[in-house]
Amino acid sequence: MSELNRKLLKRLASLCRIHCTEDDEERLLNDLGKILDYVELLHEVDTDGVDPCNHVISDMVNCMRADVPGDVTPRDVFMRNAPDKVGGMVRVPSVIKKSS
């Protein structure tokens, strides 16, 4: 792994399109260094015989309600809430401009 230094940090900031002050750079170098040290520490954990998992909770089921059609709001009730309408339809601002 490459050493984390100010030159690499400036390259990462450029790629991320972020501006860092000198104070930001110092703090980021310190924080990122701690994160990378922790990741290195995780490499020492013995994972022999441990199967990889895609999801921690393997017996999880969908807890949302069933998607079934229900009562439909009558058009006149729905249209009462529309701020602008024309010909029984809701009028919305134009999103495509005609070119001349």
PDB file of N, CA and C in Angstrom:
ATOM      1  N   MET A   1       0.849  -1.172   0.000  1.00  0.00           N
ATOM      2  CA  MET A   1       0.000   0.000   0.000  1.00  0.00           C
ATOM      3  C   MET A   1       0.893   1.234   0.000  1.00  0.00           C
ATOM      4  N   SER A   2       0.477   2.255  -0.749  1.00  0.00           N
ATOM      5  CA  SER A   2       1.285   3.463  -0.813  1.00  0.00           C
ATOM      6  C   SER A   2       1.152   4.265   0.475  1.00  0.00           C
ATOM      7  N   GLU A   3       2.193   5.008   0.760  1.00  0.00           N
ATOM      8  CA  GLU A   3       2.216   5.825   1.972  1.00  0.00           C
ATOM      9  C   GLU A   3       1.320   7.047   1.785  1.00  0.00           C
ATOM     10  N   LEU A   4       0.526   7.343   2.782  1.00  0.00           N
ATOM     11  CA  LEU A   4      -0.351   8.506   2.732  1.00  0.00           C
ATOM     12  C   LEU A   4       0.476   9.742   3.051  1.00  0.00           C
ATOM     13  N   ASN A   5       0.555  10.658   2.105  1.00  0.00           N
ATOM     14  CA  ASN A   5       1.308  11.894   2.315  1.00  0.00           C
ATOM     15  C   ASN A   5       0.538  13.065   1.713  1.00  0.00           C
ATOM     16  N   ARG A   6       1.086  14.238   1.868  1.00  0.00           N
ATOM     17  CA  ARG A   6       0.397  15.453   1.409  1.00  0.00           C
ATOM     18  C   ARG A   6       0.199  15.438  -0.109  1.00  0.00           C
ATOM     19  N   LYS A   7       1.172  14.915  -0.855  1.00  0.00           N
ATOM     20  CA  LYS A   7       1.059  14.863  -2.320  1.00  0.00           C
ATOM     21  C   LYS A   7      -0.113  13.961  -2.723  1.00  0.00           C
ATOM     22  N   LEU A   8      -0.237  12.795  -2.095  1.00  0.00           N
ATOM     23  CA  LEU A   8      -1.337  11.885  -2.399  1.00  0.00           C
ATOM     24  C   LEU A   8      -2.674  12.503  -1.980  1.00  0.00           C
ATOM     25  N   LEU A   9      -2.690  13.182  -0.858  1.00  0.00           N
ATOM     26  CA  LEU A   9      -3.918  13.831  -0.393  1.00  0.00           C
ATOM     27  C   LEU A   9      -4.368  14.906  -1.381  1.00  0.00           C
ATOM     28  N   LYS A  10      -3.415  15.694  -1.900  1.00  0.00           N
ATOM     29  CA  LYS A  10      -3.767  16.717  -2.887  1.00  0.00           C
ATOM     30  C   LYS A  10      -4.305  16.073  -4.159  1.00  0.00           C
ATOM     31  N   ARG A  11      -3.755  14.940  -4.542  1.00  0.00           N
ATOM     32  CA  ARG A  11      -4.240  14.218  -5.731  1.00  0.00           C
ATOM     33  C   ARG A  11      -5.668  13.717  -5.496  1.00  0.00           C
ATOM     34  N   LEU A  12      -5.925  13.165  -4.325  1.00  0.00           N
ATOM     35  CA  LEU A  12      -7.272  12.684  -3.998  1.00  0.00           C
ATOM     36  C   LEU A  12      -8.270  13.840  -3.959  1.00  0.00           C
ATOM     37  N   ALA A  13      -7.865  14.964  -3.387  1.00  0.00           N
ATOM     38  CA  ALA A  13      -8.739  16.131  -3.325  1.00  0.00           C
ATOM     39  C   ALA A  13      -9.060  16.626  -4.737  1.00  0.00           C
ATOM     40  N   SER A  14      -8.083  16.593  -5.614  1.00  0.00           N
ATOM     41  CA  SER A  14      -8.296  17.003  -6.998  1.00  0.00           C
ATOM     42  C   SER A  14      -9.281  16.061  -7.698  1.00  0.00           C
ATOM     43  N   LEU A  15      -9.094  14.772  -7.502  1.00  0.00           N
ATOM     44  CA  LEU A  15      -9.999  13.788  -8.115  1.00  0.00           C
ATOM     45  C   LEU A  15     -11.423  13.930  -7.588  1.00  0.00           C
ATOM     46  N   CYS A  16     -11.542  14.271  -6.309  1.00  0.00           N
ATOM     47  CA  CYS A  16     -12.862  14.427  -5.677  1.00  0.00           C
ATOM     48  C   CYS A  16     -13.451  15.810  -5.907  1.00  0.00           C
ATOM     49  N   ARG A  17     -12.673  16.697  -6.522  1.00  0.00           N
ATOM     50  CA  ARG A  17     -13.108  18.064  -6.775  1.00  0.00           C
ATOM     51  C   ARG A  17     -13.474  18.803  -5.495  1.00  0.00           C
ATOM     52  N   ILE A  18     -12.605  18.646  -4.486  1.00  0.00           N
ATOM     53  CA  ILE A  18     -12.821  19.372  -3.242  1.00  0.00           C
ATOM     54  C   ILE A  18     -11.615  20.268  -2.975  1.00  0.00           C
ATOM     55  N   HIS A  19     -11.854  21.373  -2.296  1.00  0.00           N
ATOM     56  CA  HIS A  19     -10.787  22.293  -1.932  1.00  0.00           C
ATOM     57  C   HIS A  19     -10.458  22.098  -0.454  1.00  0.00           C
ATOM     58  N   CYS A  20      -9.181  21.953  -0.170  1.00  0.00           N
ATOM     59  CA  CYS A  20      -8.742  21.770   1.218  1.00  0.00           C
ATOM     60  C   CYS A  20      -7.776  22.886   1.583  1.00  0.00           C
ATOM     61  N   THR A  21      -8.019  23.474   2.741  1.00  0.00           N
ATOM     62  CA  THR A  21      -7.061  24.438   3.264  1.00  0.00           C
ATOM     63  C   THR A  21      -5.913  23.658   3.905  1.00  0.00           C
ATOM     64  N   GLU A  22      -4.887  24.345   4.312  1.00  0.00           N
ATOM     65  CA  GLU A  22      -3.745  23.682   4.958  1.00  0.00           C
ATOM     66  C   GLU A  22      -4.190  22.988   6.243  1.00  0.00           C
ATOM     67  N   ASP A  23      -5.085  23.650   6.998  1.00  0.00           N
ATOM     68  CA  ASP A  23      -5.599  23.039   8.227  1.00  0.00           C
ATOM     69  C   ASP A  23      -6.404  21.781   7.909  1.00  0.00           C
ATOM     70  N   ASP A  24      -7.234  21.859   6.847  1.00  0.00           N
ATOM     71  CA  ASP A  24      -8.012  20.694   6.424  1.00  0.00           C
ATOM     72  C   ASP A  24      -7.087  19.538   6.047  1.00  0.00           C
ATOM     73  N   GLU A  25      -6.034  19.855   5.301  1.00  0.00           N
ATOM     74  CA  GLU A  25      -5.096  18.816   4.865  1.00  0.00           C
ATOM     75  C   GLU A  25      -4.457  18.123   6.066  1.00  0.00           C
ATOM     76  N   GLU A  26      -4.040  18.904   7.037  1.00  0.00           N
ATOM     77  CA  GLU A  26      -3.395  18.324   8.223  1.00  0.00           C
ATOM     78  C   GLU A  26      -4.362  17.405   8.964  1.00  0.00           C
ATOM     79  N   ARG A  27      -5.587  17.878   9.140  1.00  0.00           N
ATOM     80  CA  ARG A  27      -6.593  17.089   9.847  1.00  0.00           C
ATOM     81  C   ARG A  27      -6.949  15.824   9.052  1.00  0.00           C
ATOM     82  N   LEU A  28      -7.096  15.964   7.716  1.00  0.00           N
ATOM     83  CA  LEU A  28      -7.415  14.809   6.874  1.00  0.00           C
ATOM     84  C   LEU A  28      -6.287  13.779   6.891  1.00  0.00           C
ATOM     85  N   LEU A  29      -5.051  14.248   6.826  1.00  0.00           N
ATOM     86  CA  LEU A  29      -3.922  13.318   6.889  1.00  0.00           C
ATOM     87  C   LEU A  29      -3.957  12.528   8.190  1.00  0.00           C
ATOM     88  N   ASN A  30      -4.241  13.196   9.279  1.00  0.00           N
ATOM     89  CA  ASN A  30      -4.311  12.541  10.575  1.00  0.00           C
ATOM     90  C   ASN A  30      -5.467  11.534  10.613  1.00  0.00           C
ATOM     91  N   ASP A  31      -6.678  11.970  10.203  1.00  0.00           N
ATOM     92  CA  ASP A  31      -7.852  11.104  10.254  1.00  0.00           C
ATOM     93  C   ASP A  31      -7.742   9.914   9.302  1.00  0.00           C
ATOM     94  N   LEU A  32      -7.311  10.175   8.070  1.00  0.00           N
ATOM     95  CA  LEU A  32      -7.163   9.085   7.110  1.00  0.00           C
ATOM     96  C   LEU A  32      -6.075   8.106   7.541  1.00  0.00           C
ATOM     97  N   GLY A  33      -5.020   8.625   8.157  1.00  0.00           N
ATOM     98  CA  GLY A  33      -3.971   7.748   8.669  1.00  0.00           C
ATOM     99  C   GLY A  33      -4.516   6.800   9.729  1.00  0.00           C
ATOM    100  N   LYS A  34      -5.361   7.315  10.624  1.00  0.00           N
ATOM    101  CA  LYS A  34      -5.971   6.464  11.653  1.00  0.00           C
ATOM    102  C   LYS A  34      -6.874   5.405  11.030  1.00  0.00           C
ATOM    103  N   ILE A  35      -7.627   5.796  10.008  1.00  0.00           N
ATOM    104  CA  ILE A  35      -8.522   4.845   9.332  1.00  0.00           C
ATOM    105  C   ILE A  35      -7.708   3.738   8.663  1.00  0.00           C
ATOM    106  N   LEU A  36      -6.654   4.131   7.952  1.00  0.00           N
ATOM    107  CA  LEU A  36      -5.821   3.140   7.273  1.00  0.00           C
ATOM    108  C   LEU A  36      -5.108   2.225   8.269  1.00  0.00           C
ATOM    109  N   ASP A  37      -4.682   2.774   9.404  1.00  0.00           N
ATOM    110  CA  ASP A  37      -4.072   1.939  10.452  1.00  0.00           C
ATOM    111  C   ASP A  37      -5.068   0.921  10.977  1.00  0.00           C
ATOM    112  N   TYR A  38      -6.318   1.328  11.135  1.00  0.00           N
ATOM    113  CA  TYR A  38      -7.346   0.402  11.622  1.00  0.00           C
ATOM    114  C   TYR A  38      -7.612  -0.697  10.597  1.00  0.00           C
ATOM    115  N   VAL A  39      -7.662  -0.333   9.321  1.00  0.00           N
ATOM    116  CA  VAL A  39      -7.868  -1.337   8.275  1.00  0.00           C
ATOM    117  C   VAL A  39      -6.717  -2.337   8.282  1.00  0.00           C
ATOM    118  N   GLU A  40      -5.497  -1.863   8.453  1.00  0.00           N
ATOM    119  CA  GLU A  40      -4.339  -2.758   8.546  1.00  0.00           C
ATOM    120  C   GLU A  40      -4.479  -3.702   9.737  1.00  0.00           C
ATOM    121  N   LEU A  41      -4.997  -3.184  10.840  1.00  0.00           N
ATOM    122  CA  LEU A  41      -5.208  -3.993  12.027  1.00  0.00           C
ATOM    123  C   LEU A  41      -6.201  -5.121  11.738  1.00  0.00           C
ATOM    124  N   LEU A  42      -7.202  -4.848  10.923  1.00  0.00           N
ATOM    125  CA  LEU A  42      -8.198  -5.875  10.583  1.00  0.00           C
ATOM    126  C   LEU A  42      -7.598  -7.034   9.785  1.00  0.00           C
ATOM    127  N   HIS A  43      -6.497  -6.778   9.081  1.00  0.00           N
ATOM    128  CA  HIS A  43      -5.840  -7.856   8.330  1.00  0.00           C
ATOM    129  C   HIS A  43      -5.276  -8.930   9.260  1.00  0.00           C
ATOM    130  N   GLU A  44      -5.082  -8.603  10.525  1.00  0.00           N
ATOM    131  CA  GLU A  44      -4.541  -9.564  11.485  1.00  0.00           C
ATOM    132  C   GLU A  44      -5.601 -10.532  12.015  1.00  0.00           C
ATOM    133  N   VAL A  45      -6.876 -10.250  11.775  1.00  0.00           N
ATOM    134  CA  VAL A  45      -7.954 -11.108  12.276  1.00  0.00           C
ATOM    135  C   VAL A  45      -7.941 -12.427  11.520  1.00  0.00           C
ATOM    136  N   ASP A  46      -7.990 -13.532  12.271  1.00  0.00           N
ATOM    137  CA  ASP A  46      -7.997 -14.866  11.674  1.00  0.00           C
ATOM    138  C   ASP A  46      -9.396 -15.181  11.151  1.00  0.00           C
ATOM    139  N   THR A  47      -9.521 -15.285   9.833  1.00  0.00           N
ATOM    140  CA  THR A  47     -10.821 -15.567   9.223  1.00  0.00           C
ATOM    141  C   THR A  47     -10.849 -16.934   8.547  1.00  0.00           C
ATOM    142  N   ASP A  48      -9.875 -17.781   8.859  1.00  0.00           N
ATOM    143  CA  ASP A  48      -9.869 -19.131   8.292  1.00  0.00           C
ATOM    144  C   ASP A  48     -11.104 -19.889   8.753  1.00  0.00           C
ATOM    145  N   GLY A  49     -11.779 -20.533   7.828  1.00  0.00           N
ATOM    146  CA  GLY A  49     -12.966 -21.312   8.149  1.00  0.00           C
ATOM    147  C   GLY A  49     -14.236 -20.488   8.270  1.00  0.00           C
ATOM    148  N   VAL A  50     -14.147 -19.189   8.028  1.00  0.00           N
ATOM    149  CA  VAL A  50     -15.328 -18.338   8.101  1.00  0.00           C
ATOM    150  C   VAL A  50     -15.826 -18.110   6.675  1.00  0.00           C
ATOM    151  N   ASP A  51     -17.058 -18.535   6.421  1.00  0.00           N
ATOM    152  CA  ASP A  51     -17.632 -18.362   5.090  1.00  0.00           C
ATOM    153  C   ASP A  51     -17.961 -16.896   4.847  1.00  0.00           C
ATOM    154  N   PRO A  52     -17.684 -16.404   3.640  1.00  0.00           N
ATOM    155  CA  PRO A  52     -18.061 -15.031   3.321  1.00  0.00           C
ATOM    156  C   PRO A  52     -19.580 -14.911   3.279  1.00  0.00           C
ATOM    157  N   CYS A  53     -20.092 -13.747   3.621  1.00  0.00           N
ATOM    158  CA  CYS A  53     -21.539 -13.553   3.579  1.00  0.00           C
ATOM    159  C   CYS A  53     -21.866 -12.295   2.796  1.00  0.00           C
ATOM    160  N   ASN A  54     -22.985 -12.358   2.085  1.00  0.00           N
ATOM    161  CA  ASN A  54     -23.437 -11.196   1.333  1.00  0.00           C
ATOM    162  C   ASN A  54     -24.302 -10.293   2.190  1.00  0.00           C
ATOM    163  N   HIS A  55     -24.952 -10.885   3.181  1.00  0.00           N
ATOM    164  CA  HIS A  55     -25.834 -10.115   4.044  1.00  0.00           C
ATOM    165  C   HIS A  55     -25.744 -10.705   5.439  1.00  0.00           C
ATOM    166  N   VAL A  56     -25.664  -9.863   6.434  1.00  0.00           N
ATOM    167  CA  VAL A  56     -25.492 -10.323   7.799  1.00  0.00           C
ATOM    168  C   VAL A  56     -26.725 -11.081   8.291  1.00  0.00           C
ATOM    169  N   ILE A  57     -27.903 -10.606   7.924  1.00  0.00           N
ATOM    170  CA  ILE A  57     -29.137 -11.236   8.377  1.00  0.00           C
ATOM    171  C   ILE A  57     -29.666 -12.103   7.235  1.00  0.00           C
ATOM    172  N   SER A  58     -29.385 -13.401   7.282  1.00  0.00           N
ATOM    173  CA  SER A  58     -29.750 -14.272   6.169  1.00  0.00           C
ATOM    174  C   SER A  58     -31.223 -14.665   6.171  1.00  0.00           C
ATOM    175  N   ASP A  59     -31.884 -14.637   7.328  1.00  0.00           N
ATOM    176  CA  ASP A  59     -33.284 -15.057   7.374  1.00  0.00           C
ATOM    177  C   ASP A  59     -34.243 -13.873   7.375  1.00  0.00           C
ATOM    178  N   MET A  60     -33.777 -12.724   6.888  1.00  0.00           N
ATOM    179  CA  MET A  60     -34.611 -11.531   6.870  1.00  0.00           C
ATOM    180  C   MET A  60     -35.669 -11.649   5.775  1.00  0.00           C
ATOM    181  N   VAL A  61     -36.886 -11.261   6.087  1.00  0.00           N
ATOM    182  CA  VAL A  61     -37.967 -11.271   5.104  1.00  0.00           C
ATOM    183  C   VAL A  61     -38.456  -9.844   4.907  1.00  0.00           C
ATOM    184  N   ASN A  62     -39.128  -9.628   3.795  1.00  0.00           N
ATOM    185  CA  ASN A  62     -39.649  -8.306   3.504  1.00  0.00           C
ATOM    186  C   ASN A  62     -40.694  -7.938   4.548  1.00  0.00           C
ATOM    187  N   CYS A  63     -40.496  -6.809   5.206  1.00  0.00           N
ATOM    188  CA  CYS A  63     -41.397  -6.422   6.280  1.00  0.00           C
ATOM    189  C   CYS A  63     -42.410  -5.370   5.844  1.00  0.00           C
ATOM    190  N   MET A  64     -42.483  -5.112   4.537  1.00  0.00           N
ATOM    191  CA  MET A  64     -43.444  -4.132   4.052  1.00  0.00           C
ATOM    192  C   MET A  64     -44.784  -4.801   3.755  1.00  0.00           C
ATOM    193  N   ARG A  65     -45.799  -3.993   3.690  1.00  0.00           N
ATOM    194  CA  ARG A  65     -47.128  -4.525   3.412  1.00  0.00           C
ATOM    195  C   ARG A  65     -47.191  -5.039   1.983  1.00  0.00           C
ATOM    196  N   ALA A  66     -48.175  -5.875   1.714  1.00  0.00           N
ATOM    197  CA  ALA A  66     -48.368  -6.404   0.366  1.00  0.00           C
ATOM    198  C   ALA A  66     -48.795  -5.268  -0.562  1.00  0.00           C
ATOM    199  N   ASP A  67     -48.352  -5.329  -1.793  1.00  0.00           N
ATOM    200  CA  ASP A  67     -48.687  -4.310  -2.771  1.00  0.00           C
ATOM    201  C   ASP A  67     -49.983  -4.708  -3.471  1.00  0.00           C
ATOM    202  N   VAL A  68     -51.094  -4.280  -2.905  1.00  0.00           N
ATOM    203  CA  VAL A  68     -52.402  -4.615  -3.477  1.00  0.00           C
ATOM    204  C   VAL A  68     -53.147  -3.319  -3.778  1.00  0.00           C
ATOM    205  N   PRO A  69     -53.904  -3.301  -4.874  1.00  0.00           N
ATOM    206  CA  PRO A  69     -54.655  -2.080  -5.190  1.00  0.00           C
ATOM    207  C   PRO A  69     -55.715  -1.804  -4.139  1.00  0.00           C
ATOM    208  N   GLY A  70     -55.921  -0.536  -3.865  1.00  0.00           N
ATOM    209  CA  GLY A  70     -56.929  -0.138  -2.886  1.00  0.00           C
ATOM    210  C   GLY A  70     -57.930   0.805  -3.523  1.00  0.00           C
ATOM    211  N   ASP A  71     -58.601   1.543  -2.696  1.00  0.00           N
ATOM    212  CA  ASP A  71     -59.581   2.501  -3.195  1.00  0.00           C
ATOM    213  C   ASP A  71     -58.874   3.626  -3.936  1.00  0.00           C
ATOM    214  N   VAL A  72     -59.467   4.041  -5.040  1.00  0.00           N
ATOM    215  CA  VAL A  72     -58.920   5.118  -5.846  1.00  0.00           C
ATOM    216  C   VAL A  72     -59.604   6.423  -5.441  1.00  0.00           C
ATOM    217  N   THR A  73     -58.809   7.482  -5.300  1.00  0.00           N
ATOM    218  CA  THR A  73     -59.370   8.788  -4.967  1.00  0.00           C
ATOM    219  C   THR A  73     -60.193   9.283  -6.152  1.00  0.00           C
ATOM    220  N   PRO A  74     -61.439   9.683  -5.926  1.00  0.00           N
ATOM    221  CA  PRO A  74     -62.261  10.200  -7.030  1.00  0.00           C
ATOM    222  C   PRO A  74     -61.598  11.410  -7.684  1.00  0.00           C
ATOM    223  N   ARG A  75     -61.760  11.530  -9.018  1.00  0.00           N
ATOM    224  CA  ARG A  75     -61.109  12.587  -9.784  1.00  0.00           C
ATOM    225  C   ARG A  75     -61.441  13.982  -9.240  1.00  0.00           C
ATOM    226  N   ASP A  76     -62.693  14.229  -8.905  1.00  0.00           N
ATOM    227  CA  ASP A  76     -63.051  15.573  -8.451  1.00  0.00           C
ATOM    228  C   ASP A  76     -62.363  15.927  -7.126  1.00  0.00           C
ATOM    229  N   VAL A  77     -62.186  14.937  -6.249  1.00  0.00           N
ATOM    230  CA  VAL A  77     -61.484  15.171  -4.985  1.00  0.00           C
ATOM    231  C   VAL A  77     -59.998  15.433  -5.257  1.00  0.00           C
ATOM    232  N   PHE A  78     -59.438  14.639  -6.154  1.00  0.00           N
ATOM    233  CA  PHE A  78     -58.024  14.794  -6.512  1.00  0.00           C
ATOM    234  C   PHE A  78     -57.784  16.157  -7.155  1.00  0.00           C
ATOM    235  N   MET A  79     -58.654  16.547  -8.076  1.00  0.00           N
ATOM    236  CA  MET A  79     -58.473  17.796  -8.807  1.00  0.00           C
ATOM    237  C   MET A  79     -58.655  19.024  -7.914  1.00  0.00           C
ATOM    238  N   ARG A  80     -59.379  18.894  -6.820  1.00  0.00           N
ATOM    239  CA  ARG A  80     -59.526  20.009  -5.889  1.00  0.00           C
ATOM    240  C   ARG A  80     -58.183  20.411  -5.289  1.00  0.00           C
ATOM    241  N   ASN A  81     -57.270  19.451  -5.202  1.00  0.00           N
ATOM    242  CA  ASN A  81     -55.953  19.721  -4.619  1.00  0.00           C
ATOM    243  C   ASN A  81     -54.943  20.234  -5.636  1.00  0.00           C
ATOM    244  N   ALA A  82     -55.269  20.188  -6.919  1.00  0.00           N
ATOM    245  CA  ALA A  82     -54.333  20.628  -7.954  1.00  0.00           C
ATOM    246  C   ALA A  82     -54.280  22.154  -7.989  1.00  0.00           C
ATOM    247  N   PRO A  83     -53.094  22.750  -7.936  1.00  0.00           N
ATOM    248  CA  PRO A  83     -52.998  24.209  -7.937  1.00  0.00           C
ATOM    249  C   PRO A  83     -53.388  24.815  -9.285  1.00  0.00           C
ATOM    250  N   ASP A  84     -53.184  24.086 -10.389  1.00  0.00           N
ATOM    251  CA  ASP A  84     -53.521  24.598 -11.715  1.00  0.00           C
ATOM    252  C   ASP A  84     -53.996  23.424 -12.554  1.00  0.00           C
ATOM    253  N   LYS A  85     -55.103  23.608 -13.261  1.00  0.00           N
ATOM    254  CA  LYS A  85     -55.647  22.515 -14.073  1.00  0.00           C
ATOM    255  C   LYS A  85     -56.179  23.061 -15.386  1.00  0.00           C
ATOM    256  N   VAL A  86     -56.201  22.183 -16.373  1.00  0.00           N
ATOM    257  CA  VAL A  86     -56.734  22.538 -17.680  1.00  0.00           C
ATOM    258  C   VAL A  86     -57.339  21.287 -18.306  1.00  0.00           C
ATOM    259  N   GLY A  87     -58.579  21.359 -18.739  1.00  0.00           N
ATOM    260  CA  GLY A  87     -59.242  20.247 -19.412  1.00  0.00           C
ATOM    261  C   GLY A  87     -59.291  18.973 -18.588  1.00  0.00           C
ATOM    262  N   GLY A  88     -59.473  19.078 -17.278  1.00  0.00           N
ATOM    263  CA  GLY A  88     -59.557  17.888 -16.434  1.00  0.00           C
ATOM    264  C   GLY A  88     -58.204  17.266 -16.107  1.00  0.00           C
ATOM    265  N   MET A  89     -57.119  17.977 -16.433  1.00  0.00           N
ATOM    266  CA  MET A  89     -55.771  17.475 -16.152  1.00  0.00           C
ATOM    267  C   MET A  89     -55.022  18.491 -15.303  1.00  0.00           C
ATOM    268  N   VAL A  90     -54.013  18.014 -14.598  1.00  0.00           N
ATOM    269  CA  VAL A  90     -53.184  18.896 -13.785  1.00  0.00           C
ATOM    270  C   VAL A  90     -52.162  19.565 -14.697  1.00  0.00           C
ATOM    271  N   ARG A  91     -52.091  20.881 -14.639  1.00  0.00           N
ATOM    272  CA  ARG A  91     -51.101  21.620 -15.441  1.00  0.00           C
ATOM    273  C   ARG A  91     -49.823  21.760 -14.612  1.00  0.00           C
ATOM    274  N   VAL A  92     -48.719  21.407 -15.241  1.00  0.00           N
ATOM    275  CA  VAL A  92     -47.409  21.511 -14.579  1.00  0.00           C
ATOM    276  C   VAL A  92     -46.524  22.449 -15.391  1.00  0.00           C
ATOM    277  N   PRO A  93     -45.492  23.014 -14.785  1.00  0.00           N
ATOM    278  CA  PRO A  93     -44.586  23.892 -15.540  1.00  0.00           C
ATOM    279  C   PRO A  93     -43.891  23.132 -16.666  1.00  0.00           C
ATOM    280  N   SER A  94     -43.642  23.831 -17.749  1.00  0.00           N
ATOM    281  CA  SER A  94     -42.963  23.226 -18.893  1.00  0.00           C
ATOM    282  C   SER A  94     -41.523  22.877 -18.502  1.00  0.00           C
ATOM    283  N   VAL A  95     -41.091  21.705 -18.922  1.00  0.00           N
ATOM    284  CA  VAL A  95     -39.709  21.294 -18.626  1.00  0.00           C
ATOM    285  C   VAL A  95     -38.851  21.242 -19.888  1.00  0.00           C
ATOM    286  N   ILE A  96     -39.486  21.296 -21.048  1.00  0.00           N
ATOM    287  CA  ILE A  96     -38.749  21.279 -22.318  1.00  0.00           C
ATOM    288  C   ILE A  96     -39.037  22.582 -23.039  1.00  0.00           C
ATOM    289  N   LYS A  97     -37.997  23.283 -23.411  1.00  0.00           N
ATOM    290  CA  LYS A  97     -38.176  24.531 -24.124  1.00  0.00           C
ATOM    291  C   LYS A  97     -38.024  24.283 -25.620  1.00  0.00           C
ATOM    292  N   LYS A  98     -38.881  24.925 -26.408  1.00  0.00           N
ATOM    293  CA  LYS A  98     -38.803  24.820 -27.865  1.00  0.00           C
ATOM    294  C   LYS A  98     -37.630  25.657 -28.344  1.00  0.00           C
ATOM    295  N   SER A  99     -36.882  25.104 -29.273  1.00  0.00           N
ATOM    296  CA  SER A  99     -35.780  25.884 -29.857  1.00  0.00           C
ATOM    297  C   SER A  99     -36.306  26.613 -31.076  1.00  0.00           C
ATOM    298  N   SER A 100     -35.829  27.818 -31.301  1.00  0.00           N
ATOM    299  CA  SER A 100     -36.332  28.593 -32.444  1.00  0.00           C
ATOM    300  C   SER A 100     -35.371  28.563 -33.599  1.00  0.00           C
TER     301      SER A 100
END
